[in-house]
Amino acid sequence: MKALGLIETKGTLAAVEAADAMVKAADVTLVEKTRVGGGLVTITVTGDVAAVQAAVDAGVAAVERIAASSLAAKLVIPRPHEELEILFTPKGPGGKTDPGVRDEEELEAEGTAVGETVEEVVGEVVEEVVEEVEESPHPALPEKLDRQTLDSIIEKYGIAEGMAMADGLKVTALRTLAREYGELKISGREVSKANKQLLLEELKSYYEARND
């Protein structure tokens, strides 16, 4: 491995954003995603030192766009010792562990595109987001949420995940968010007096109508 880049986030939704931004920003390989407990998720990539640094910077920026509190840690290790490879072994199709980090040529020789490998790992993380929303309160809820961010979350992950994020806001923050929507059936003082349930219903109705 020429370099290792790691980003640790609070919650899997932030991890999805980080992984997506990292592989889009530079020529790096997504090695693995690790849940370390306590709602923490670590995303690991490998590649040239410059590419890994650029990928980590992009991943950090993506996480902070959701909420600065979602970023737990970041790390770039240039030229890691060869014995570290045993700790970072990517998984191939079917969840089997491959012996060592494979490069792009090896993946193509096996008929597996690098992009497909990335999609499999990111797909697993997305499934975990749904599980966390269903089983417990979201682990990395932002203190504030703006319309642009909520639009992006719903576009990528659906209305249910977007509403789960909004549900974690305090009612004052939710009212601030609702005021950004001139299309809602309530406005002005109605928004100021609305409770959390009404605000969430209005936002959900807006997005459902927009998707029809």
Protein backbone atom coordinates (compact mmCIF):
# COMPACT_ATOMS: atom_id res chain seq x y z
CA MET A 1 0.00 0.00 0.00
CA LYS A 2 1.35 3.42 -0.94
CA ALA A 3 -0.87 5.29 1.53
CA LEU A 4 -3.85 4.74 3.80
CA GLY A 5 -6.63 7.22 4.42
CA LEU A 6 -9.22 6.81 7.18
CA ILE A 7 -12.26 8.80 8.18
CA GLU A 8 -14.25 7.91 11.30
CA THR A 9 -17.80 9.23 11.51
CA LYS A 10 -20.62 9.26 14.02
CA GLY A 11 -23.33 7.31 12.22
CA THR A 12 -23.55 5.44 8.95
CA LEU A 13 -25.24 8.23 7.01
CA ALA A 14 -22.14 10.39 7.37
CA ALA A 15 -20.04 7.35 6.42
CA VAL A 16 -21.99 6.99 3.16
CA GLU A 17 -21.31 10.64 2.33
CA ALA A 18 -17.62 10.24 3.16
CA ALA A 19 -17.16 7.07 1.09
CA ASP A 20 -18.99 8.53 -1.89
CA ALA A 21 -16.99 11.77 -1.81
CA MET A 22 -13.64 10.00 -1.34
CA VAL A 23 -13.89 7.67 -4.32
CA LYS A 24 -15.24 10.46 -6.54
CA ALA A 25 -12.56 12.98 -5.56
CA ALA A 26 -9.43 10.98 -6.34
CA ASP A 27 -8.06 7.75 -7.77
CA VAL A 28 -8.31 5.67 -4.60
CA THR A 29 -9.59 2.21 -3.75
CA LEU A 30 -12.19 1.73 -1.05
CA VAL A 31 -10.67 -0.91 1.23
CA GLU A 32 -13.29 -1.44 3.89
CA LYS A 33 -16.00 -0.07 6.12
CA THR A 34 -15.80 -0.92 9.81
CA ARG A 35 -18.37 -0.42 12.57
CA VAL A 36 -16.38 0.08 15.75
CA GLY A 37 -19.28 0.44 18.19
CA GLY A 38 -20.92 3.40 19.83
CA GLY A 39 -22.34 4.53 16.49
CA LEU A 40 -18.84 5.04 15.04
CA VAL A 41 -18.04 3.92 11.48
CA THR A 42 -14.60 3.99 9.84
CA ILE A 43 -14.10 4.25 6.07
CA THR A 44 -10.66 3.25 4.73
CA VAL A 45 -9.15 3.96 1.30
CA THR A 46 -5.75 3.31 -0.26
CA GLY A 47 -3.80 4.76 -3.18
CA ASP A 48 -1.03 7.26 -3.94
CA VAL A 49 -0.23 9.66 -1.10
CA ALA A 50 -1.55 12.73 -2.95
CA ALA A 51 -4.71 10.93 -4.05
CA VAL A 52 -5.42 9.63 -0.55
CA GLN A 53 -4.90 13.08 0.97
CA ALA A 54 -7.29 14.61 -1.58
CA ALA A 55 -9.85 11.87 -0.94
CA VAL A 56 -9.72 12.35 2.83
CA ASP A 57 -10.08 16.12 2.47
CA ALA A 58 -13.12 15.62 0.23
CA GLY A 59 -14.63 13.08 2.62
CA VAL A 60 -14.18 15.37 5.60
CA ALA A 61 -15.83 18.27 3.73
CA ALA A 62 -18.77 16.03 2.77
CA VAL A 63 -19.31 14.89 6.37
CA GLU A 64 -19.12 18.44 7.71
CA ARG A 65 -21.79 19.53 5.23
CA ILE A 66 -24.17 17.21 7.06
CA ALA A 67 -22.99 18.23 10.53
CA ALA A 68 -19.55 19.09 11.89
CA SER A 69 -20.32 16.91 14.92
CA SER A 70 -20.60 13.86 12.63
CA LEU A 71 -16.82 13.82 12.07
CA ALA A 72 -15.03 11.82 14.79
CA ALA A 73 -11.50 11.61 13.33
CA LYS A 74 -9.43 11.58 10.15
CA LEU A 75 -5.99 10.14 9.36
CA VAL A 76 -3.60 9.78 6.42
CA ILE A 77 -0.68 7.32 6.70
CA PRO A 78 1.89 7.74 3.90
CA ARG A 79 3.80 4.56 3.05
CA PRO A 80 2.39 2.37 5.86
CA HIS A 81 4.45 -0.58 7.03
CA GLU A 82 3.74 -3.71 4.99
CA GLU A 83 2.56 -5.59 8.07
CA LEU A 84 -0.42 -3.22 8.32
CA GLU A 85 -1.92 -4.88 5.25
CA ILE A 86 -3.26 -7.68 7.42
CA LEU A 87 -5.49 -5.12 9.17
CA PHE A 88 -6.91 -3.69 5.96
CA THR A 89 -7.93 -6.48 3.61
CA PRO A 90 -10.83 -5.68 1.26
CA LYS A 91 -13.66 -8.12 0.80
CA GLY A 92 -14.51 -9.50 -2.61
CA PRO A 93 -17.86 -10.66 -4.03
CA GLY A 94 -19.83 -12.87 -1.67
CA GLY A 95 -18.14 -11.39 1.41
CA LYS A 96 -15.01 -13.60 1.13
CA THR A 97 -11.77 -12.09 2.30
CA ASP A 98 -9.13 -11.68 -0.40
CA PRO A 99 -5.42 -12.13 0.40
CA GLY A 100 -4.11 -8.56 0.27
CA VAL A 101 -5.20 -5.37 -1.36
CA ARG A 102 -5.86 -5.95 -5.05
CA ASP A 103 -5.15 -3.31 -7.65
CA GLU A 104 -7.43 -2.34 -10.52
CA GLU A 105 -5.80 -4.67 -13.06
CA GLU A 106 -6.36 -7.69 -10.82
CA LEU A 107 -9.99 -6.77 -10.30
CA GLU A 108 -10.58 -6.36 -14.03
CA ALA A 109 -8.86 -9.70 -14.72
CA GLU A 110 -11.40 -11.37 -12.45
CA GLY A 111 -14.25 -9.66 -14.24
CA THR A 112 -15.03 -7.37 -11.33
CA ALA A 113 -14.93 -3.61 -11.90
CA VAL A 114 -13.57 -1.36 -9.16
CA GLY A 115 -16.79 0.65 -9.34
CA GLU A 116 -18.85 -2.45 -8.57
CA THR A 117 -16.73 -3.20 -5.51
CA VAL A 118 -17.30 0.35 -4.25
CA GLU A 119 -21.04 0.07 -4.88
CA GLU A 120 -21.23 -3.16 -2.87
CA VAL A 121 -19.58 -1.59 0.18
CA VAL A 122 -21.60 1.63 -0.04
CA GLY A 123 -24.74 -0.47 -0.53
CA GLU A 124 -24.05 -2.30 2.74
CA VAL A 125 -23.69 1.03 4.54
CA VAL A 126 -26.99 2.31 3.11
CA GLU A 127 -28.74 -0.83 4.38
CA GLU A 128 -27.32 -0.14 7.84
CA VAL A 129 -28.70 3.40 7.74
CA VAL A 130 -32.18 1.96 7.24
CA GLU A 131 -31.66 -0.53 10.07
CA GLU A 132 -30.53 2.20 12.47
CA VAL A 133 -33.54 4.36 11.63
CA GLU A 134 -35.89 1.44 12.26
CA GLU A 135 -34.24 0.10 15.41
CA SER A 136 -33.13 3.19 17.32
CA PRO A 137 -32.83 6.99 17.23
CA HIS A 138 -30.40 8.15 14.57
CA PRO A 139 -26.85 8.09 16.00
CA ALA A 140 -25.53 11.33 14.44
CA LEU A 141 -28.39 13.78 14.22
CA PRO A 142 -27.41 17.35 13.33
CA GLU A 143 -28.33 20.29 15.51
CA LYS A 144 -29.35 22.23 12.40
CA LEU A 145 -30.50 21.23 8.94
CA ASP A 146 -31.07 23.43 5.92
CA ARG A 147 -33.27 22.85 2.89
CA GLN A 148 -30.40 22.17 0.50
CA THR A 149 -28.97 19.45 2.74
CA LEU A 150 -32.36 17.84 3.30
CA ASP A 151 -33.05 17.92 -0.45
CA SER A 152 -29.75 16.13 -1.05
CA ILE A 153 -30.41 13.47 1.61
CA ILE A 154 -33.90 12.73 0.27
CA GLU A 155 -32.68 12.63 -3.32
CA LYS A 156 -30.00 10.07 -2.45
CA TYR A 157 -31.65 7.98 0.27
CA GLY A 158 -35.39 8.63 0.12
CA ILE A 159 -38.04 10.47 2.09
CA ALA A 160 -37.95 8.07 5.07
CA GLU A 161 -34.27 8.73 5.78
CA GLY A 162 -34.72 12.47 5.26
CA MET A 163 -37.62 12.61 7.68
CA ALA A 164 -35.65 10.56 10.21
CA MET A 165 -32.95 13.24 10.12
CA ALA A 166 -35.53 16.02 10.47
CA ASP A 167 -37.22 14.17 13.34
CA GLY A 168 -33.99 14.42 15.33
CA LEU A 169 -34.04 18.22 15.25
CA LYS A 170 -35.30 20.30 18.14
CA VAL A 171 -38.65 21.92 17.37
CA THR A 172 -37.01 25.36 17.15
CA ALA A 173 -34.54 24.12 14.53
CA LEU A 174 -37.37 22.36 12.70
CA ARG A 175 -39.35 25.61 12.56
CA THR A 176 -36.31 27.39 11.14
CA LEU A 177 -36.06 24.70 8.48
CA ALA A 178 -39.79 24.91 7.66
CA ARG A 179 -39.51 28.67 7.05
CA GLU A 180 -37.25 27.91 4.07
CA TYR A 181 -40.20 26.25 2.32
CA GLY A 182 -42.61 28.76 0.85
CA GLU A 183 -44.58 25.85 -0.61
CA LEU A 184 -45.85 24.51 2.73
CA LYS A 185 -49.51 24.93 3.67
CA ILE A 186 -48.47 26.75 6.84
CA SER A 187 -46.37 29.91 7.11
CA GLY A 188 -45.51 32.84 9.35
CA ARG A 189 -47.03 32.55 12.81
CA GLU A 190 -48.49 29.16 11.98
CA VAL A 191 -44.95 27.84 11.66
CA SER A 192 -43.92 29.55 14.91
CA LYS A 193 -46.80 27.87 16.78
CA ALA A 194 -46.61 24.48 15.04
CA ASN A 195 -45.54 21.44 17.03
CA LYS A 196 -42.99 18.92 15.81
CA GLN A 197 -45.53 16.44 14.44
CA LEU A 198 -47.28 19.04 12.30
CA LEU A 199 -44.00 20.36 10.91
CA LEU A 200 -42.82 16.87 9.99
CA GLU A 201 -46.17 16.08 8.34
CA GLU A 202 -45.97 19.28 6.28
CA LEU A 203 -42.43 18.54 5.14
CA LYS A 204 -43.28 14.93 4.32
CA SER A 205 -46.37 16.01 2.32
CA TYR A 206 -44.28 18.51 0.38
CA TYR A 207 -41.68 15.91 -0.66
CA GLU A 208 -44.28 13.27 -1.47
CA ALA A 209 -46.14 15.75 -3.68
CA ARG A 210 -42.92 16.80 -5.36
CA ASN A 211 -42.04 13.19 -6.20
CA ASP A 212 -45.45 12.45 -7.75
